[in-house]
Amino acid sequence: MRGHIRRRGKTSWELKYDVREDEQRQTQYRSFKGTRAQAQAELARLLVAVDKGAHVEANKITVGQHVLSRLAQWRDSGRISPKTAERFQQLIDGQLLPFLGKIPLQRLRTSDIEAWHSALLTKGRRDGAGGVSTRTVSHVHKVLAKALREGVRHGLVVRNVASEEPPPRIEAEKMRILTPVQVRELMTQLIGRPMYAPAVTALFTGVRRGELLALRWADIDLERKMMRIHASLEETKAGLRFKGTKTKSGERELTLPYIVVTTLRDHRKQQLELRMQLGLGKMPANALVFSTAEGEPLTPNSFSFAWKDVALELKLDVSFHALRHTHASQLIDAGVDVVTIAHRLGHASPTITLSVYTHLFRQDDSKAAAVINAAFGE
């Protein structure tokens, strides 16, 4: 007999079965909790796995140990950026380890994943004061699924149960953007403030915060009214670093509207005057467009806090990133085609633009009917 079960307790069983390793027969033992029928079903599954060559050696690795080891490997091999590694660590520490961390990796089931999702939605916050969003659940689920996928590849588990139990559907969050009236008021309210130039640049180019803070004067041609985006400034616990754009398509050239050209000319003049006052001399060729008085990079976090203070004072309930969304909404409202908008925003494809801003596109197909009428002379 290739395998059998033996009772060890009221609801616990020992599964015994044979496998072949290098032409040598070896006996494997597994502990199982449940009914006799469930134990028999588990034994049958193990024997099928042996027949298919999908059997894995029993081990005592926990879900937490496995996920943390994979995170270390991803980080050390450079497969993920330091910022992504930091975010993964936060998700693992806050939403994975407290719920699944101690479960043996090989005993993780789809029912565990299902219960985990429910727990995150009701009590998933680190402070225990309620649940996390469906988007957060989706993010941490992807981290687990990635780690389990590699566990299958390395022969630690038979299957990726996270791929069999999908996360809850993401509930769309209301996108906050500035109204046309708020845009005009903001331009007036920010005059004379340090936030004026970066806000105008972001609002009328759609660049991301990191891209904005990585901009150098060498990337801008005010005569041609062009701006080249090819880098981003990232902040982690290890410090600041300049890196490439979020995607390859993020490298782009943008045509600047007059308001941005004028604003940047005035901003450059003010920078030069300040350097003269501080005795810093001429501006270096690689000088940052937005920096400290000494020319050092502005940290993304402190920049966001500065915007938050300004927005609070002006009674604007929007983040700095909302200026990017506002720029996209302006283009959509003006009837600019989605391919051009995608390029301007640095999206990898127009599909991403549509998925993010689909609710802003007018559901009006009258133009399609007009084209058909024109084709038939009607």
Protein backbone atom coordinates (compact mmCIF):
# COMPACT_ATOMS: atom_id res chain seq x y z
CA MET A 1 0.00 0.00 0.00
CA ARG A 2 1.45 3.39 -1.04
CA GLY A 3 -0.08 5.25 1.87
CA HIS A 4 -2.43 5.07 4.83
CA ILE A 5 -3.73 7.17 7.71
CA ARG A 6 -3.45 6.58 11.44
CA ARG A 7 -5.46 8.30 14.17
CA ARG A 8 -3.37 10.27 16.66
CA GLY A 9 -6.11 12.13 18.48
CA LYS A 10 -9.79 12.90 18.33
CA THR A 11 -9.40 15.06 15.22
CA SER A 12 -5.72 14.55 14.37
CA TRP A 13 -4.17 12.05 11.98
CA GLU A 14 -0.82 10.87 10.72
CA LEU A 15 -0.55 10.49 6.96
CA LYS A 16 2.04 7.99 5.78
CA TYR A 17 2.95 7.58 2.11
CA ASP A 18 5.85 6.65 -0.14
CA VAL A 19 7.78 8.82 -2.60
CA ARG A 20 10.76 8.07 -4.81
CA GLU A 21 13.90 10.16 -4.59
CA ASP A 22 16.81 9.18 -6.87
CA GLU A 23 15.25 5.74 -7.44
CA GLN A 24 15.13 5.17 -3.67
CA ARG A 25 11.78 4.74 -1.96
CA GLN A 26 11.32 7.07 0.99
CA THR A 27 8.47 7.19 3.48
CA GLN A 28 6.96 10.57 4.27
CA TYR A 29 4.86 11.49 7.30
CA ARG A 30 2.44 14.40 7.58
CA SER A 31 0.26 15.55 10.46
CA PHE A 32 -3.31 16.52 9.66
CA LYS A 33 -6.24 17.91 11.66
CA GLY A 34 -9.82 17.31 10.59
CA THR A 35 -12.24 14.45 9.98
CA ARG A 36 -11.26 11.02 8.70
CA ALA A 37 -12.77 11.85 5.31
CA GLN A 38 -10.73 15.06 5.10
CA ALA A 39 -7.56 13.18 6.07
CA GLN A 40 -8.22 10.59 3.36
CA ALA A 41 -8.79 13.37 0.82
CA GLU A 42 -5.51 15.03 1.82
CA LEU A 43 -3.66 11.73 1.48
CA ALA A 44 -5.17 11.22 -1.98
CA ARG A 45 -4.03 14.73 -2.96
CA LEU A 46 -0.50 14.02 -1.80
CA LEU A 47 -0.37 10.75 -3.74
CA VAL A 48 -1.58 12.50 -6.90
CA ALA A 49 1.15 15.12 -6.39
CA VAL A 50 3.73 12.33 -6.12
CA ASP A 51 2.48 10.76 -9.36
CA LYS A 52 2.67 14.12 -11.16
CA GLY A 53 6.11 14.92 -9.84
CA ALA A 54 4.70 17.88 -7.93
CA HIS A 55 5.40 16.58 -4.44
CA VAL A 56 7.36 18.84 -2.09
CA GLU A 57 9.27 17.90 1.02
CA ALA A 58 7.60 18.68 4.32
CA ASN A 59 9.06 21.71 6.09
CA LYS A 60 8.27 23.89 9.08
CA ILE A 61 8.68 27.25 7.36
CA THR A 62 5.94 29.70 8.31
CA VAL A 63 4.20 32.11 5.96
CA GLY A 64 5.92 35.01 7.72
CA GLN A 65 9.40 33.51 7.42
CA HIS A 66 8.90 32.77 3.73
CA VAL A 67 7.53 36.20 2.80
CA LEU A 68 10.26 38.03 4.72
CA SER A 69 12.98 35.91 3.10
CA ARG A 70 11.56 36.66 -0.35
CA LEU A 71 11.41 40.38 0.43
CA ALA A 72 15.07 40.32 1.43
CA GLN A 73 15.95 38.55 -1.81
CA TRP A 74 13.96 41.01 -3.96
CA ARG A 75 15.60 43.95 -2.23
CA ASP A 76 19.17 42.61 -2.24
CA SER A 77 18.97 41.55 -5.89
CA GLY A 78 17.65 44.97 -6.93
CA ARG A 79 14.43 43.51 -8.33
CA ILE A 80 12.47 46.17 -6.46
CA SER A 81 13.41 49.73 -5.63
CA PRO A 82 14.25 50.81 -2.06
CA LYS A 83 10.96 52.74 -1.91
CA THR A 84 8.97 49.68 -3.02
CA ALA A 85 10.85 47.51 -0.50
CA GLU A 86 9.93 49.99 2.20
CA ARG A 87 6.27 49.89 1.23
CA PHE A 88 6.26 46.07 1.05
CA GLN A 89 7.82 45.94 4.53
CA GLN A 90 5.05 48.19 5.89
CA LEU A 91 2.35 45.99 4.36
CA ILE A 92 3.96 42.79 5.62
CA ASP A 93 4.47 44.13 9.15
CA GLY A 94 1.05 45.71 9.44
CA GLN A 95 -1.33 43.56 7.42
CA LEU A 96 0.28 40.16 6.85
CA LEU A 97 2.38 38.99 9.81
CA PRO A 98 -0.27 39.66 12.51
CA PHE A 99 -2.84 37.55 10.64
CA LEU A 100 -0.99 34.85 8.64
CA GLY A 101 2.61 35.05 9.83
CA LYS A 102 2.60 32.03 12.16
CA ILE A 103 0.73 29.64 9.86
CA PRO A 104 2.98 26.88 8.44
CA LEU A 105 3.55 27.70 4.78
CA GLN A 106 2.45 24.26 3.58
CA ARG A 107 -0.76 24.40 5.58
CA LEU A 108 -1.97 27.72 4.17
CA ARG A 109 -5.37 27.22 2.51
CA THR A 110 -7.74 29.33 0.45
CA SER A 111 -10.04 29.47 3.47
CA ASP A 112 -7.21 31.19 5.38
CA ILE A 113 -6.86 33.75 2.60
CA GLU A 114 -10.60 34.39 2.57
CA ALA A 115 -10.69 34.88 6.36
CA TRP A 116 -7.61 37.13 6.13
CA HIS A 117 -9.31 39.43 3.63
CA SER A 118 -12.35 39.77 5.89
CA ALA A 119 -10.17 40.48 8.93
CA LEU A 120 -8.23 43.19 7.08
CA LEU A 121 -11.44 44.95 6.05
CA THR A 122 -12.73 45.02 9.62
CA LYS A 123 -9.64 45.29 11.85
CA GLY A 124 -6.64 45.56 9.55
CA ARG A 125 -5.30 48.92 10.71
CA ARG A 126 -2.10 48.75 12.73
CA ASP A 127 -3.67 50.80 15.54
CA GLY A 128 -6.61 48.38 15.63
CA ALA A 129 -9.11 51.17 15.04
CA GLY A 130 -10.97 49.66 12.11
CA GLY A 131 -10.24 48.12 8.76
CA VAL A 132 -8.12 49.09 5.78
CA SER A 133 -9.30 49.94 2.28
CA THR A 134 -9.90 47.37 -0.44
CA ARG A 135 -6.95 48.91 -2.28
CA THR A 136 -4.62 48.15 0.64
CA VAL A 137 -5.98 44.59 0.81
CA SER A 138 -5.24 44.21 -2.89
CA HIS A 139 -1.69 45.51 -2.48
CA VAL A 140 -0.74 43.19 0.39
CA HIS A 141 -2.47 40.28 -1.36
CA LYS A 142 -0.22 40.83 -4.38
CA VAL A 143 2.88 40.70 -2.16
CA LEU A 144 1.76 37.36 -0.70
CA ALA A 145 0.81 35.97 -4.13
CA LYS A 146 4.23 36.93 -5.51
CA ALA A 147 6.00 35.22 -2.61
CA LEU A 148 3.88 32.07 -2.92
CA ARG A 149 4.42 31.94 -6.68
CA GLU A 150 8.15 31.79 -6.02
CA GLY A 151 7.55 29.24 -3.27
CA VAL A 152 5.96 26.97 -5.87
CA ARG A 153 8.88 27.51 -8.24
CA HIS A 154 11.40 26.62 -5.54
CA GLY A 155 9.51 23.51 -4.47
CA LEU A 156 8.39 24.74 -1.04
CA VAL A 157 4.64 24.51 -1.69
CA VAL A 158 2.52 22.64 -4.21
CA ARG A 159 0.23 25.50 -5.21
CA ASN A 160 -0.26 29.22 -4.87
CA VAL A 161 -3.44 29.49 -2.83
CA ALA A 162 -3.40 33.31 -3.11
CA SER A 163 -3.97 33.00 -6.85
CA GLU A 164 -7.00 30.78 -6.22
CA GLU A 165 -8.67 33.17 -3.76
CA PRO A 166 -8.68 36.68 -5.29
CA PRO A 167 -8.78 39.82 -3.15
CA PRO A 168 -12.02 41.80 -2.83
CA ARG A 169 -12.83 44.16 -5.66
CA ILE A 170 -11.28 47.58 -5.21
CA GLU A 171 -13.85 50.21 -4.36
CA ALA A 172 -13.15 53.29 -6.44
CA GLU A 173 -12.18 56.26 -4.31
CA LYS A 174 -13.57 59.65 -5.25
CA MET A 175 -10.91 61.59 -7.14
CA ARG A 176 -10.45 65.08 -5.74
CA ILE A 177 -9.57 67.77 -8.26
CA LEU A 178 -9.73 71.54 -8.35
CA THR A 179 -12.65 73.20 -10.08
CA PRO A 180 -11.92 75.86 -12.74
CA VAL A 181 -12.86 78.53 -10.20
CA GLN A 182 -10.50 77.04 -7.60
CA VAL A 183 -7.68 76.93 -10.17
CA ARG A 184 -8.05 80.66 -10.88
CA GLU A 185 -8.28 81.49 -7.19
CA LEU A 186 -5.26 79.34 -6.37
CA MET A 187 -3.10 81.18 -8.90
CA THR A 188 -3.94 84.46 -7.17
CA GLN A 189 -3.62 83.15 -3.62
CA LEU A 190 -0.18 81.62 -4.19
CA ILE A 191 1.47 84.69 -5.70
CA GLY A 192 4.51 85.63 -3.61
CA ARG A 193 4.67 82.25 -1.88
CA PRO A 194 7.48 79.67 -2.38
CA MET A 195 4.83 77.15 -3.48
CA TYR A 196 3.69 79.29 -6.43
CA ALA A 197 6.22 78.13 -9.06
CA PRO A 198 6.11 74.38 -8.29
CA ALA A 199 2.30 74.43 -8.05
CA VAL A 200 1.90 76.22 -11.39
CA THR A 201 4.38 73.84 -13.04
CA ALA A 202 2.60 70.75 -11.69
CA LEU A 203 -0.87 72.09 -12.42
CA PHE A 204 -0.17 72.86 -16.07
CA THR A 205 2.20 70.01 -16.98
CA GLY A 206 0.84 67.11 -14.92
CA VAL A 207 4.27 65.98 -13.70
CA ARG A 208 4.52 63.83 -10.59
CA ARG A 209 5.98 65.19 -7.35
CA GLY A 210 9.19 63.17 -7.69
CA GLU A 211 9.62 64.27 -11.31
CA LEU A 212 9.09 67.90 -10.35
CA LEU A 213 11.71 67.80 -7.59
CA ALA A 214 14.24 66.09 -9.91
CA LEU A 215 13.92 68.76 -12.61
CA ARG A 216 17.12 70.60 -13.51
CA TRP A 217 17.44 73.79 -15.51
CA ALA A 218 19.36 71.80 -18.13
CA ASP A 219 16.10 69.89 -18.76
CA ILE A 220 14.18 73.06 -19.63
CA ASP A 221 14.37 75.13 -22.80
CA LEU A 222 12.33 78.24 -22.15
CA GLU A 223 12.94 79.57 -25.66
CA ARG A 224 11.51 76.43 -27.28
CA LYS A 225 8.94 76.14 -24.46
CA MET A 226 9.96 72.51 -23.86
CA MET A 227 10.60 70.46 -20.74
CA ARG A 228 12.32 67.06 -20.64
CA ILE A 229 11.26 64.58 -17.95
CA HIS A 230 13.73 61.73 -17.40
CA ALA A 231 14.32 61.44 -13.65
CA SER A 232 12.57 61.34 -10.30
CA LEU A 233 13.59 62.08 -6.72
CA GLU A 234 12.83 59.29 -4.23
CA GLU A 235 12.92 59.44 -0.44
CA THR A 236 13.35 56.37 1.78
CA LYS A 237 14.61 55.79 5.31
CA ALA A 238 18.08 55.44 3.79
CA GLY A 239 17.89 58.98 2.38
CA LEU A 240 17.34 60.66 -1.01
CA ARG A 241 18.25 59.29 -4.41
CA PHE A 242 17.68 60.30 -8.01
CA LYS A 243 16.38 57.51 -10.20
CA GLY A 244 14.78 57.00 -13.59
CA THR A 245 11.12 57.72 -14.21
CA LYS A 246 8.40 55.33 -13.00
CA THR A 247 8.25 53.63 -16.42
CA LYS A 248 10.17 53.89 -19.68
CA SER A 249 7.27 55.85 -21.17
CA GLY A 250 7.71 58.27 -18.28
CA GLU A 251 10.68 59.72 -20.17
CA ARG A 252 9.03 62.41 -22.26
CA GLU A 253 9.20 65.94 -23.62
CA LEU A 254 6.39 68.32 -22.73
CA THR A 255 5.35 71.50 -24.46
CA LEU A 256 5.01 74.25 -21.89
CA PRO A 257 2.06 76.68 -21.86
CA TYR A 258 2.85 80.38 -21.56
CA ILE A 259 1.93 80.56 -17.87
CA VAL A 260 4.56 77.94 -17.02
CA VAL A 261 7.22 79.59 -19.20
CA THR A 262 6.59 82.97 -17.56
CA THR A 263 6.49 81.46 -14.08
CA LEU A 264 9.77 79.57 -14.56
CA ARG A 265 11.52 82.64 -15.98
CA ASP A 266 10.55 84.64 -12.90
CA HIS A 267 11.50 81.75 -10.62
CA ARG A 268 14.96 81.44 -12.21
CA LYS A 269 15.52 85.18 -11.82
CA GLN A 270 14.58 84.97 -8.12
CA GLN A 271 16.94 82.02 -7.65
CA LEU A 272 19.84 83.92 -9.20
CA GLU A 273 19.15 87.00 -7.06
CA LEU A 274 19.03 84.89 -3.91
CA ARG A 275 22.32 83.19 -4.77
CA MET A 276 23.94 86.59 -5.24
CA GLN A 277 22.62 87.75 -1.87
CA LEU A 278 24.00 84.61 -0.19
CA GLY A 279 27.32 84.93 -1.98
CA LEU A 280 26.92 81.59 -3.74
CA GLY A 281 27.92 82.88 -7.15
CA LYS A 282 26.63 81.69 -10.52
CA MET A 283 24.20 78.81 -10.78
CA PRO A 284 25.87 75.48 -11.67
CA ALA A 285 24.95 73.79 -14.95
CA ASN A 286 23.16 70.92 -13.18
CA ALA A 287 21.23 73.14 -10.77
CA LEU A 288 17.82 71.94 -9.64
CA VAL A 289 14.80 74.01 -10.60
CA PHE A 290 13.21 73.60 -7.17
CA SER A 291 15.68 73.37 -4.30
CA THR A 292 16.79 74.82 -0.99
CA ALA A 293 18.51 78.21 -0.94
CA GLU A 294 21.85 76.38 -1.08
CA GLY A 295 20.76 74.36 -4.12
CA GLU A 296 20.16 71.10 -2.25
CA PRO A 297 17.18 68.85 -3.17
CA LEU A 298 13.87 69.39 -1.42
CA THR A 299 12.80 66.19 0.30
CA PRO A 300 9.51 64.85 -1.11
CA ASN A 301 7.99 64.38 2.34
CA SER A 302 8.81 67.89 3.58
CA PHE A 303 7.53 69.28 0.26
CA SER A 304 4.21 67.47 0.74
CA PHE A 305 3.96 68.78 4.30
CA ALA A 306 4.57 72.30 3.02
CA TRP A 307 1.76 71.88 0.48
CA LYS A 308 -0.51 70.49 3.18
CA ASP A 309 0.03 73.60 5.28
CA VAL A 310 -0.74 75.86 2.32
CA ALA A 311 -3.83 73.85 1.33
CA LEU A 312 -5.10 73.94 4.91
CA GLU A 313 -4.64 77.71 5.07
CA LEU A 314 -6.44 78.16 1.74
CA LYS A 315 -9.17 75.67 2.75
CA LEU A 316 -8.36 73.29 -0.12
CA ASP A 317 -9.04 69.65 0.70
CA VAL A 318 -6.66 68.27 -1.96
CA SER A 319 -3.21 66.71 -1.98
CA PHE A 320 -0.38 67.98 -4.20
CA HIS A 321 -0.97 64.94 -6.43
CA ALA A 322 -4.46 66.31 -7.08
CA LEU A 323 -2.83 69.01 -9.25
CA ARG A 324 -1.79 66.23 -11.65
CA HIS A 325 -5.35 64.91 -11.71
CA THR A 326 -6.63 68.45 -12.26
CA HIS A 327 -4.31 68.85 -15.25
CA ALA A 328 -5.65 65.61 -16.74
CA SER A 329 -9.23 66.75 -16.20
CA GLN A 330 -8.49 70.05 -17.95
CA LEU A 331 -7.18 68.22 -21.02
CA ILE A 332 -10.11 65.79 -21.05
CA ASP A 333 -12.63 68.61 -20.73
CA ALA A 334 -10.95 70.42 -23.63
CA GLY A 335 -11.38 67.35 -25.85
CA VAL A 336 -7.68 66.46 -26.12
CA ASP A 337 -7.29 62.88 -27.43
CA VAL A 338 -6.40 60.19 -24.90
CA VAL A 339 -3.10 59.24 -26.60
CA THR A 340 -1.80 62.79 -26.16
CA ILE A 341 -3.00 62.88 -22.55
CA ALA A 342 -1.31 59.54 -21.82
CA HIS A 343 1.98 60.85 -23.25
CA ARG A 344 1.77 64.06 -21.26
CA LEU A 345 1.13 62.18 -18.02
CA GLY A 346 3.84 59.61 -18.75
CA HIS A 347 1.47 56.64 -18.70
CA ALA A 348 2.71 53.37 -20.21
CA SER A 349 -0.42 53.18 -22.36
CA PRO A 350 -3.67 55.07 -23.05
CA THR A 351 -5.45 52.14 -21.38
CA ILE A 352 -4.02 53.26 -18.03
CA THR A 353 -5.23 56.80 -18.65
CA LEU A 354 -8.72 55.55 -19.45
CA SER A 355 -8.81 53.30 -16.38
CA VAL A 356 -7.82 56.17 -14.07
CA TYR A 357 -9.92 58.93 -15.61
CA THR A 358 -12.76 57.07 -17.33
CA HIS A 359 -15.36 58.84 -15.15
CA LEU A 360 -14.17 62.21 -16.49
CA PHE A 361 -14.60 61.37 -20.17
CA ARG A 362 -17.99 62.45 -21.43
CA GLN A 363 -20.17 59.59 -22.54
CA ASP A 364 -21.28 61.38 -25.70
CA ASP A 365 -21.14 59.54 -29.02
CA SER A 366 -22.73 62.30 -31.12
CA LYS A 367 -19.40 62.87 -32.89
CA ALA A 368 -19.40 59.26 -34.08
CA ALA A 369 -22.85 59.68 -35.57
CA ALA A 370 -21.79 62.95 -37.22
CA VAL A 371 -18.81 61.23 -38.89
CA ILE A 372 -21.05 58.49 -40.28
CA ASN A 373 -23.58 61.05 -41.52
CA ALA A 374 -20.84 62.99 -43.27
CA ALA A 375 -19.53 59.81 -44.92
CA PHE A 376 -22.94 59.15 -46.47
CA GLY A 377 -23.60 62.77 -47.36
CA GLU A 378 -26.42 63.20 -44.88
